[in-house]
PDB file of N, CA and C in Angstrom:
ATOM      1  N   UNK A   1       0.870  -0.679  -0.269  1.00  0.00           N
ATOM      2  CA  UNK A   1      -0.103   0.426   0.695  1.00  0.00           C
ATOM      3  C   UNK A   1       1.096   1.204   0.138  1.00  0.00           C
ATOM      4  N   UNK A   2       0.463   2.918  -0.509  1.00  0.00           N
ATOM      5  CA  UNK A   2       0.872   2.786  -0.662  1.00  0.00           C
ATOM      6  C   UNK A   2       0.814   4.276   0.411  1.00  0.00           C
ATOM      7  N   UNK A   3       2.573   4.677   0.811  1.00  0.00           N
ATOM      8  CA  UNK A   3       2.403   5.315   1.659  1.00  0.00           C
ATOM      9  C   UNK A   3       2.515   6.976   1.415  1.00  0.00           C
ATOM     10  N   UNK A   4       1.990   8.000   2.261  1.00  0.00           N
ATOM     11  CA  UNK A   4       2.859  10.081   2.279  1.00  0.00           C
ATOM     12  C   UNK A   4       3.392   9.617   3.354  1.00  0.00           C
ATOM     13  N   UNK A   5       4.443  10.103   3.073  1.00  0.00           N
ATOM     14  CA  UNK A   5       5.736  11.311   4.632  1.00  0.00           C
ATOM     15  C   UNK A   5       5.517  12.440   4.321  1.00  0.00           C
ATOM     16  N   UNK A   6       5.465  12.813   5.141  1.00  0.00           N
ATOM     17  CA  UNK A   6       5.789  14.112   5.939  1.00  0.00           C
ATOM     18  C   UNK A   6       6.680  14.226   6.398  1.00  0.00           C
ATOM     19  N   UNK A   7       8.081  15.646   5.955  1.00  0.00           N
ATOM     20  CA  UNK A   7       8.979  15.278   6.212  1.00  0.00           C
ATOM     21  C   UNK A   7       9.045  16.993   7.716  1.00  0.00           C
ATOM     22  N   UNK A   8       9.411  17.400   8.636  1.00  0.00           N
ATOM     23  CA  UNK A   8       9.446  18.672   8.350  1.00  0.00           C
ATOM     24  C   UNK A   8      10.883  19.129   9.712  1.00  0.00           C
ATOM     25  N   UNK A   9      11.611  19.818   8.135  1.00  0.00           N
ATOM     26  CA  UNK A   9      13.201  19.483   8.354  1.00  0.00           C
ATOM     27  C   UNK A   9      13.124  20.324   9.995  1.00  0.00           C
ATOM     28  N   UNK A  10      13.753  20.174  10.395  1.00  0.00           N
ATOM     29  CA  UNK A  10      14.835  20.674  11.803  1.00  0.00           C
ATOM     30  C   UNK A  10      14.501  22.489  12.043  1.00  0.00           C
ATOM     31  N   UNK A  11      14.577  23.180  12.457  1.00  0.00           N
ATOM     32  CA  UNK A  11      15.226  24.876  12.595  1.00  0.00           C
ATOM     33  C   UNK A  11      17.130  24.363  11.933  1.00  0.00           C
ATOM     34  N   UNK A  12      16.235  25.904  11.377  1.00  0.00           N
ATOM     35  CA  UNK A  12      17.688  25.936  10.617  1.00  0.00           C
ATOM     36  C   UNK A  12      18.549  25.425   9.659  1.00  0.00           C
ATOM     37  N   UNK A  13      17.028  24.318   9.165  1.00  0.00           N
ATOM     38  CA  UNK A  13      17.842  23.735   7.722  1.00  0.00           C
ATOM     39  C   UNK A  13      16.535  24.188   6.823  1.00  0.00           C
ATOM     40  N   UNK A  14      16.395  25.180   5.046  1.00  0.00           N
ATOM     41  CA  UNK A  14      15.860  25.646   4.627  1.00  0.00           C
ATOM     42  C   UNK A  14      15.791  25.909   3.109  1.00  0.00           C
ATOM     43  N   UNK A  15      15.110  26.358   2.625  1.00  0.00           N
ATOM     44  CA  UNK A  15      15.468  25.841   1.077  1.00  0.00           C
ATOM     45  C   UNK A  15      16.929  25.616   0.556  1.00  0.00           C
ATOM     46  N   UNK A  16      18.256  26.396   1.294  1.00  0.00           N
ATOM     47  CA  UNK A  16      19.278  26.152   0.357  1.00  0.00           C
ATOM     48  C   UNK A  16      20.098  25.177   0.800  1.00  0.00           C
ATOM     49  N   UNK A  17      19.259  24.328   2.490  1.00  0.00           N
ATOM     50  CA  UNK A  17      20.616  23.285   2.937  1.00  0.00           C
ATOM     51  C   UNK A  17      19.257  21.987   1.731  1.00  0.00           C
ATOM     52  N   UNK A  18      18.332  22.182   1.656  1.00  0.00           N
ATOM     53  CA  UNK A  18      16.811  21.252   0.773  1.00  0.00           C
ATOM     54  C   UNK A  18      17.301  21.838  -0.684  1.00  0.00           C
ATOM     55  N   UNK A  19      17.783  22.195  -1.069  1.00  0.00           N
ATOM     56  CA  UNK A  19      18.694  22.404  -2.638  1.00  0.00           C
ATOM     57  C   UNK A  19      19.148  21.146  -2.719  1.00  0.00           C
ATOM     58  N   UNK A  20      20.906  21.449  -1.690  1.00  0.00           N
ATOM     59  CA  UNK A  20      22.599  20.826  -1.835  1.00  0.00           C
ATOM     60  C   UNK A  20      22.089  20.069  -1.366  1.00  0.00           C
ATOM     61  N   UNK A  21      21.264  19.078  -0.646  1.00  0.00           N
ATOM     62  CA  UNK A  21      21.190  18.133  -0.517  1.00  0.00           C
ATOM     63  C   UNK A  21      19.944  17.392  -1.906  1.00  0.00           C
ATOM     64  N   UNK A  22      19.253  18.266  -2.223  1.00  0.00           N
ATOM     65  CA  UNK A  22      19.056  17.211  -3.207  1.00  0.00           C
ATOM     66  C   UNK A  22      19.725  17.437  -4.861  1.00  0.00           C
ATOM     67  N   UNK A  23      20.200  18.866  -5.100  1.00  0.00           N
ATOM     68  CA  UNK A  23      21.717  17.974  -5.508  1.00  0.00           C
ATOM     69  C   UNK A  23      22.754  17.291  -5.851  1.00  0.00           C
ATOM     70  N   UNK A  24      22.223  16.704  -4.613  1.00  0.00           N
ATOM     71  CA  UNK A  24      23.804  15.060  -4.132  1.00  0.00           C
ATOM     72  C   UNK A  24      22.977  14.262  -4.080  1.00  0.00           C
ATOM     73  N   UNK A  25      21.092  14.067  -4.092  1.00  0.00           N
ATOM     74  CA  UNK A  25      20.172  13.285  -5.020  1.00  0.00           C
ATOM     75  C   UNK A  25      20.434  12.797  -5.757  1.00  0.00           C
ATOM     76  N   UNK A  26      19.918  13.574  -7.242  1.00  0.00           N
ATOM     77  CA  UNK A  26      19.351  13.801  -8.165  1.00  0.00           C
ATOM     78  C   UNK A  26      18.468  13.167  -8.636  1.00  0.00           C
ATOM     79  N   UNK A  27      17.414  13.076  -7.758  1.00  0.00           N
ATOM     80  CA  UNK A  27      16.129  12.707  -8.462  1.00  0.00           C
ATOM     81  C   UNK A  27      15.809  12.384  -9.625  1.00  0.00           C
ATOM     82  N   UNK A  28      16.342  14.053 -10.396  1.00  0.00           N
ATOM     83  CA  UNK A  28      15.554  14.077 -11.883  1.00  0.00           C
ATOM     84  C   UNK A  28      16.205  13.122 -12.623  1.00  0.00           C
ATOM     85  N   UNK A  29      17.957  12.436 -12.811  1.00  0.00           N
ATOM     86  CA  UNK A  29      18.768  11.567 -13.362  1.00  0.00           C
ATOM     87  C   UNK A  29      19.109  10.386 -12.598  1.00  0.00           C
ATOM     88  N   UNK A  30      18.306   9.770 -11.180  1.00  0.00           N
ATOM     89  CA  UNK A  30      18.350   9.046 -11.062  1.00  0.00           C
ATOM     90  C   UNK A  30      17.253   8.535  -9.801  1.00  0.00           C
ATOM     91  N   UNK A  31      16.338   8.711 -10.502  1.00  0.00           N
ATOM     92  CA  UNK A  31      15.365   8.534 -10.395  1.00  0.00           C
ATOM     93  C   UNK A  31      14.644   7.486  -9.159  1.00  0.00           C
ATOM     94  N   UNK A  32      14.142   7.662  -7.973  1.00  0.00           N
ATOM     95  CA  UNK A  32      14.264   6.903  -6.408  1.00  0.00           C
ATOM     96  C   UNK A  32      13.723   5.523  -6.612  1.00  0.00           C
ATOM     97  N   UNK A  33      13.649   4.791  -6.543  1.00  0.00           N
ATOM     98  CA  UNK A  33      13.320   3.641  -6.659  1.00  0.00           C
ATOM     99  C   UNK A  33      12.216   3.220  -6.024  1.00  0.00           C
ATOM    100  N   UNK A  34      10.905   3.443  -6.172  1.00  0.00           N
ATOM    101  CA  UNK A  34       9.325   3.496  -5.176  1.00  0.00           C
ATOM    102  C   UNK A  34       8.703   5.341  -4.698  1.00  0.00           C
ATOM    103  N   UNK A  35       9.787   6.222  -5.287  1.00  0.00           N
ATOM    104  CA  UNK A  35       8.911   7.708  -5.153  1.00  0.00           C
ATOM    105  C   UNK A  35       8.143   6.821  -6.229  1.00  0.00           C
ATOM    106  N   UNK A  36       6.601   7.835  -5.573  1.00  0.00           N
ATOM    107  CA  UNK A  36       6.238   7.883  -6.618  1.00  0.00           C
ATOM    108  C   UNK A  36       5.766   9.809  -6.971  1.00  0.00           C
ATOM    109  N   UNK A  37       5.424  10.023  -5.560  1.00  0.00           N
ATOM    110  CA  UNK A  37       5.478  11.874  -5.506  1.00  0.00           C
ATOM    111  C   UNK A  37       6.966  12.600  -5.096  1.00  0.00           C
ATOM    112  N   UNK A  38       6.891  13.273  -5.118  1.00  0.00           N
ATOM    113  CA  UNK A  38       7.787  14.450  -4.468  1.00  0.00           C
ATOM    114  C   UNK A  38       7.898  16.043  -4.697  1.00  0.00           C
ATOM    115  N   UNK A  39       7.005  16.187  -3.452  1.00  0.00           N
ATOM    116  CA  UNK A  39       7.024  17.557  -3.477  1.00  0.00           C
ATOM    117  C   UNK A  39       7.639  18.573  -2.338  1.00  0.00           C
ATOM    118  N   UNK A  40       8.178  19.961  -2.287  1.00  0.00           N
ATOM    119  CA  UNK A  40       8.764  21.119  -0.460  1.00  0.00           C
ATOM    120  C   UNK A  40       8.731  22.166  -0.821  1.00  0.00           C
ATOM    121  N   UNK A  41       8.278  22.310   0.585  1.00  0.00           N
ATOM    122  CA  UNK A  41       8.571  23.739  -0.088  1.00  0.00           C
ATOM    123  C   UNK A  41       8.033  24.297   2.458  1.00  0.00           C
ATOM    124  N   UNK A  42       7.515  25.426   1.671  1.00  0.00           N
ATOM    125  CA  UNK A  42       7.611  26.503   3.678  1.00  0.00           C
ATOM    126  C   UNK A  42       5.954  26.502   4.152  1.00  0.00           C
ATOM    127  N   UNK A  43       5.677  25.848   4.776  1.00  0.00           N
ATOM    128  CA  UNK A  43       4.306  25.759   5.690  1.00  0.00           C
ATOM    129  C   UNK A  43       4.961  26.139   7.475  1.00  0.00           C
ATOM    130  N   UNK A  44       4.383  27.022   7.181  1.00  0.00           N
ATOM    131  CA  UNK A  44       4.066  27.529   9.133  1.00  0.00           C
ATOM    132  C   UNK A  44       4.933  27.097   9.313  1.00  0.00           C
ATOM    133  N   UNK A  45       5.942  27.916   8.689  1.00  0.00           N
ATOM    134  CA  UNK A  45       7.303  28.484  10.057  1.00  0.00           C
ATOM    135  C   UNK A  45       8.197  26.911   9.400  1.00  0.00           C
ATOM    136  N   UNK A  46       8.312  26.099   8.617  1.00  0.00           N
ATOM    137  CA  UNK A  46       9.521  25.471   8.766  1.00  0.00           C
ATOM    138  C   UNK A  46       8.880  24.721   7.547  1.00  0.00           C
ATOM    139  N   UNK A  47      10.492  24.461   6.251  1.00  0.00           N
ATOM    140  CA  UNK A  47      10.746  24.088   5.409  1.00  0.00           C
ATOM    141  C   UNK A  47      10.488  22.536   5.621  1.00  0.00           C
ATOM    142  N   UNK A  48       9.445  22.257   4.882  1.00  0.00           N
ATOM    143  CA  UNK A  48       8.609  20.313   4.111  1.00  0.00           C
ATOM    144  C   UNK A  48       8.735  19.549   2.960  1.00  0.00           C
ATOM    145  N   UNK A  49       9.023  18.358   3.718  1.00  0.00           N
ATOM    146  CA  UNK A  49       8.993  17.691   2.341  1.00  0.00           C
ATOM    147  C   UNK A  49       7.760  16.583   2.550  1.00  0.00           C
ATOM    148  N   UNK A  50       6.602  16.878   1.063  1.00  0.00           N
ATOM    149  CA  UNK A  50       5.695  15.842   1.057  1.00  0.00           C
ATOM    150  C   UNK A  50       6.056  14.678   0.123  1.00  0.00           C
ATOM    151  N   UNK A  51       7.206  13.717   0.143  1.00  0.00           N
ATOM    152  CA  UNK A  51       6.260  11.905  -0.511  1.00  0.00           C
ATOM    153  C   UNK A  51       6.025  11.710  -0.407  1.00  0.00           C
ATOM    154  N   UNK A  52       4.876  10.323  -1.908  1.00  0.00           N
ATOM    155  CA  UNK A  52       4.224   9.341  -1.654  1.00  0.00           C
ATOM    156  C   UNK A  52       5.646   8.280  -2.151  1.00  0.00           C
ATOM    157  N   UNK A  53       5.378   7.192  -1.558  1.00  0.00           N
ATOM    158  CA  UNK A  53       6.110   6.025  -2.167  1.00  0.00           C
ATOM    159  C   UNK A  53       5.108   4.496  -2.342  1.00  0.00           C
ATOM    160  N   UNK A  54       5.325   3.899  -3.138  1.00  0.00           N
ATOM    161  CA  UNK A  54       5.046   2.570  -3.311  1.00  0.00           C
ATOM    162  C   UNK A  54       4.601   2.197  -1.518  1.00  0.00           C
ATOM    163  N   UNK A  55       6.274   2.062  -0.878  1.00  0.00           N
ATOM    164  CA  UNK A  55       5.648   1.323   0.548  1.00  0.00           C
ATOM    165  C   UNK A  55       6.317   1.897   1.521  1.00  0.00           C
ATOM    166  N   UNK A  56       6.920   1.306   2.287  1.00  0.00           N
ATOM    167  CA  UNK A  56       8.015   2.059   3.869  1.00  0.00           C
ATOM    168  C   UNK A  56       8.999   1.588   3.841  1.00  0.00           C
ATOM    169  N   UNK A  57       8.544   1.225   3.068  1.00  0.00           N
ATOM    170  CA  UNK A  57       9.901  -0.584   2.990  1.00  0.00           C
ATOM    171  C   UNK A  57      10.874   0.740   1.526  1.00  0.00           C
ATOM    172  N   UNK A  58      10.342   0.919   0.579  1.00  0.00           N
ATOM    173  CA  UNK A  58      10.741   2.469  -0.108  1.00  0.00           C
ATOM    174  C   UNK A  58      12.053   3.420  -0.321  1.00  0.00           C
ATOM    175  N   UNK A  59      10.611   4.041   1.207  1.00  0.00           N
ATOM    176  CA  UNK A  59      11.457   5.348   1.800  1.00  0.00           C
ATOM    177  C   UNK A  59      12.652   4.605   2.953  1.00  0.00           C
ATOM    178  N   UNK A  60      11.807   3.937   3.977  1.00  0.00           N
ATOM    179  CA  UNK A  60      13.189   3.245   5.084  1.00  0.00           C
ATOM    180  C   UNK A  60      14.768   3.573   4.367  1.00  0.00           C
ATOM    181  N   UNK A  61      14.792   3.004   2.717  1.00  0.00           N
ATOM    182  CA  UNK A  61      16.063   2.102   1.852  1.00  0.00           C
ATOM    183  C   UNK A  61      16.442   3.672   1.798  1.00  0.00           C
ATOM    184  N   UNK A  62      15.312   4.531   1.369  1.00  0.00           N
ATOM    185  CA  UNK A  62      16.216   5.924   0.451  1.00  0.00           C
ATOM    186  C   UNK A  62      16.291   6.843   1.325  1.00  0.00           C
ATOM    187  N   UNK A  63      15.951   6.982   2.992  1.00  0.00           N
ATOM    188  CA  UNK A  63      16.966   7.765   4.015  1.00  0.00           C
ATOM    189  C   UNK A  63      17.719   6.956   4.197  1.00  0.00           C
ATOM    190  N   UNK A  64      18.030   5.788   4.522  1.00  0.00           N
ATOM    191  CA  UNK A  64      19.486   5.244   4.153  1.00  0.00           C
ATOM    192  C   UNK A  64      20.021   4.922   3.958  1.00  0.00           C
ATOM    193  N   UNK A  65      20.476   4.510   1.958  1.00  0.00           N
ATOM    194  CA  UNK A  65      21.098   4.505   0.964  1.00  0.00           C
ATOM    195  C   UNK A  65      21.514   5.960   0.549  1.00  0.00           C
ATOM    196  N   UNK A  66      19.826   6.523   0.555  1.00  0.00           N
ATOM    197  CA  UNK A  66      20.255   8.000  -0.189  1.00  0.00           C
ATOM    198  C   UNK A  66      20.572   8.706   0.138  1.00  0.00           C
ATOM    199  N   UNK A  67      19.485   9.024   1.022  1.00  0.00           N
ATOM    200  CA  UNK A  67      19.193  10.224   2.056  1.00  0.00           C
ATOM    201  C   UNK A  67      19.856  10.997   2.699  1.00  0.00           C
ATOM    202  N   UNK A  68      20.912   9.985   3.672  1.00  0.00           N
ATOM    203  CA  UNK A  68      22.022  10.417   5.295  1.00  0.00           C
ATOM    204  C   UNK A  68      23.486  10.459   4.243  1.00  0.00           C
ATOM    205  N   UNK A  69      23.751  10.163   2.560  1.00  0.00           N
ATOM    206  CA  UNK A  69      24.517   9.809   2.811  1.00  0.00           C
ATOM    207  C   UNK A  69      25.140  11.266   1.597  1.00  0.00           C
ATOM    208  N   UNK A  70      23.827  11.625   0.952  1.00  0.00           N
ATOM    209  CA  UNK A  70      22.771  12.661   0.555  1.00  0.00           C
ATOM    210  C   UNK A  70      23.557  14.843   1.766  1.00  0.00           C
ATOM    211  N   UNK A  71      23.227  14.414   2.857  1.00  0.00           N
ATOM    212  CA  UNK A  71      23.270  14.693   3.830  1.00  0.00           C
ATOM    213  C   UNK A  71      24.371  15.556   3.792  1.00  0.00           C
ATOM    214  N   UNK A  72      26.024  14.161   4.282  1.00  0.00           N
ATOM    215  CA  UNK A  72      26.520  13.957   4.379  1.00  0.00           C
ATOM    216  C   UNK A  72      27.406  14.321   3.160  1.00  0.00           C
ATOM    217  N   UNK A  73      27.200  14.505   2.069  1.00  0.00           N
ATOM    218  CA  UNK A  73      27.945  15.014   0.824  1.00  0.00           C
ATOM    219  C   UNK A  73      27.834  16.760   1.000  1.00  0.00           C
ATOM    220  N   UNK A  74      26.478  16.712   1.077  1.00  0.00           N
ATOM    221  CA  UNK A  74      26.234  18.748   0.842  1.00  0.00           C
ATOM    222  C   UNK A  74      27.193  19.114   2.168  1.00  0.00           C
ATOM    223  N   UNK A  75      26.286  18.924   3.704  1.00  0.00           N
ATOM    224  CA  UNK A  75      26.634  19.846   4.742  1.00  0.00           C
ATOM    225  C   UNK A  75      27.959  18.789   5.681  1.00  0.00           C
ATOM    226  N   UNK A  76      28.565  18.575   5.278  1.00  0.00           N
ATOM    227  CA  UNK A  76      30.013  17.574   6.252  1.00  0.00           C
ATOM    228  C   UNK A  76      29.033  17.083   7.338  1.00  0.00           C
ATOM    229  N   UNK A  77      29.975  15.732   7.843  1.00  0.00           N
ATOM    230  CA  UNK A  77      29.569  14.434   8.466  1.00  0.00           C
ATOM    231  C   UNK A  77      28.942  15.400  10.326  1.00  0.00           C
ATOM    232  N   UNK A  78      29.713  16.406  10.834  1.00  0.00           N
ATOM    233  CA  UNK A  78      29.676  16.637  12.402  1.00  0.00           C
ATOM    234  C   UNK A  78      28.485  17.959  12.048  1.00  0.00           C
ATOM    235  N   UNK A  79      27.719  19.065  10.563  1.00  0.00           N
ATOM    236  CA  UNK A  79      26.402  19.154  11.047  1.00  0.00           C
ATOM    237  C   UNK A  79      25.634  18.538  10.594  1.00  0.00           C
ATOM    238  N   UNK A  80      25.855  17.440  10.007  1.00  0.00           N
ATOM    239  CA  UNK A  80      23.951  16.525   9.604  1.00  0.00           C
ATOM    240  C   UNK A  80      24.872  15.359  12.062  1.00  0.00           C
ATOM    241  N   UNK A  81      25.447  15.555  11.848  1.00  0.00           N
ATOM    242  CA  UNK A  81      24.959  14.150  13.589  1.00  0.00           C
ATOM    243  C   UNK A  81      24.799  15.549  14.302  1.00  0.00           C
ATOM    244  N   UNK A  82      24.589  16.580  14.051  1.00  0.00           N
ATOM    245  CA  UNK A  82      24.583  17.401  15.308  1.00  0.00           C
ATOM    246  C   UNK A  82      22.586  17.170  15.431  1.00  0.00           C
ATOM    247  N   UNK A  83      21.987  16.830  13.623  1.00  0.00           N
ATOM    248  CA  UNK A  83      20.667  18.244  13.605  1.00  0.00           C
ATOM    249  C   UNK A  83      20.218  17.281  14.055  1.00  0.00           C
ATOM    250  N   UNK A  84      18.650  17.547  14.804  1.00  0.00           N
ATOM    251  CA  UNK A  84      17.686  16.742  15.801  1.00  0.00           C
ATOM    252  C   UNK A  84      17.360  16.027  14.310  1.00  0.00           C
ATOM    253  N   UNK A  85      16.095  14.665  15.184  1.00  0.00           N
ATOM    254  CA  UNK A  85      15.137  14.097  13.898  1.00  0.00           C
ATOM    255  C   UNK A  85      14.495  14.910  13.419  1.00  0.00           C
ATOM    256  N   UNK A  86      14.200  15.165  12.062  1.00  0.00           N
ATOM    257  CA  UNK A  86      12.798  15.777  11.908  1.00  0.00           C
ATOM    258  C   UNK A  86      11.828  14.889  12.540  1.00  0.00           C
ATOM    259  N   UNK A  87      10.609  15.502  12.318  1.00  0.00           N
ATOM    260  CA  UNK A  87       9.719  14.943  12.707  1.00  0.00           C
ATOM    261  C   UNK A  87       9.080  14.448  11.365  1.00  0.00           C
ATOM    262  N   UNK A  88       8.124  13.204  11.522  1.00  0.00           N
ATOM    263  CA  UNK A  88       8.286  12.409   9.785  1.00  0.00           C
ATOM    264  C   UNK A  88       7.103  11.916  10.082  1.00  0.00           C
ATOM    265  N   UNK A  89       5.974  12.555   9.217  1.00  0.00           N
ATOM    266  CA  UNK A  89       4.672  12.509  10.047  1.00  0.00           C
ATOM    267  C   UNK A  89       4.042  11.277   8.630  1.00  0.00           C
ATOM    268  N   UNK A  90       3.180  10.152   9.312  1.00  0.00           N
ATOM    269  CA  UNK A  90       2.895   8.942   8.058  1.00  0.00           C
ATOM    270  C   UNK A  90       0.861   9.270   7.738  1.00  0.00           C
ATOM    271  N   UNK A  91       0.677   8.432   6.498  1.00  0.00           N
ATOM    272  CA  UNK A  91       0.173   8.780   6.483  1.00  0.00           C
ATOM    273  C   UNK A  91      -0.870   7.372   5.258  1.00  0.00           C
ATOM    274  N   UNK A  92      -0.646   6.244   5.672  1.00  0.00           N
ATOM    275  CA  UNK A  92      -1.979   5.599   4.165  1.00  0.00           C
ATOM    276  C   UNK A  92      -2.778   6.230   3.229  1.00  0.00           C
ATOM    277  N   UNK A  93      -2.074   6.148   2.820  1.00  0.00           N
ATOM    278  CA  UNK A  93      -2.401   6.926   0.665  1.00  0.00           C
ATOM    279  C   UNK A  93      -3.724   5.396   0.257  1.00  0.00           C
ATOM    280  N   UNK A  94      -5.276   6.293   0.879  1.00  0.00           N
ATOM    281  CA  UNK A  94      -6.515   5.483  -0.148  1.00  0.00           C
ATOM    282  C   UNK A  94      -6.385   5.445  -1.764  1.00  0.00           C
ATOM    283  N   UNK A  95      -5.698   6.593  -2.030  1.00  0.00           N
ATOM    284  CA  UNK A  95      -5.529   6.604  -3.873  1.00  0.00           C
ATOM    285  C   UNK A  95      -5.131   7.866  -3.564  1.00  0.00           C
ATOM    286  N   UNK A  96      -4.147   7.921  -5.034  1.00  0.00           N
ATOM    287  CA  UNK A  96      -3.366   9.020  -6.587  1.00  0.00           C
ATOM    288  C   UNK A  96      -3.232   8.984  -7.274  1.00  0.00           C
ATOM    289  N   UNK A  97      -3.517  10.255  -8.368  1.00  0.00           N
ATOM    290  CA  UNK A  97      -3.822  10.287  -9.116  1.00  0.00           C
ATOM    291  C   UNK A  97      -2.267  10.909 -10.314  1.00  0.00           C
ATOM    292  N   UNK A  98      -2.253  10.466 -11.250  1.00  0.00           N
ATOM    293  CA  UNK A  98      -1.080  11.187 -12.231  1.00  0.00           C
ATOM    294  C   UNK A  98      -0.858  11.616 -13.154  1.00  0.00           C
ATOM    295  N   UNK A  99      -2.716  12.058 -13.610  1.00  0.00           N
ATOM    296  CA  UNK A  99      -2.543  12.559 -14.800  1.00  0.00           C
ATOM    297  C   UNK A  99      -1.785  12.829 -15.907  1.00  0.00           C
TER     298      UNK A  99
END
């Protein structure tokens, strides 16, 4: 079953850091397995990422194998290690349409 994830980035993490990490991940050049939809923007004073995934396992694999290494490449191990865990909200997706 598809899931939606909202990741509320930690304070101090905004569009500049997001862009640097996305440059390392290169979703367009190297699509992420299991990713159906990706978006990001500011909401309620924090930068947030909303994704739809084929399964929870795809999301977990992405975080481990692509996201963390991209964060380290963009910001350095020390900075990444000092960041608090982001708030992650997960929801089952009943239906989605890609026109």
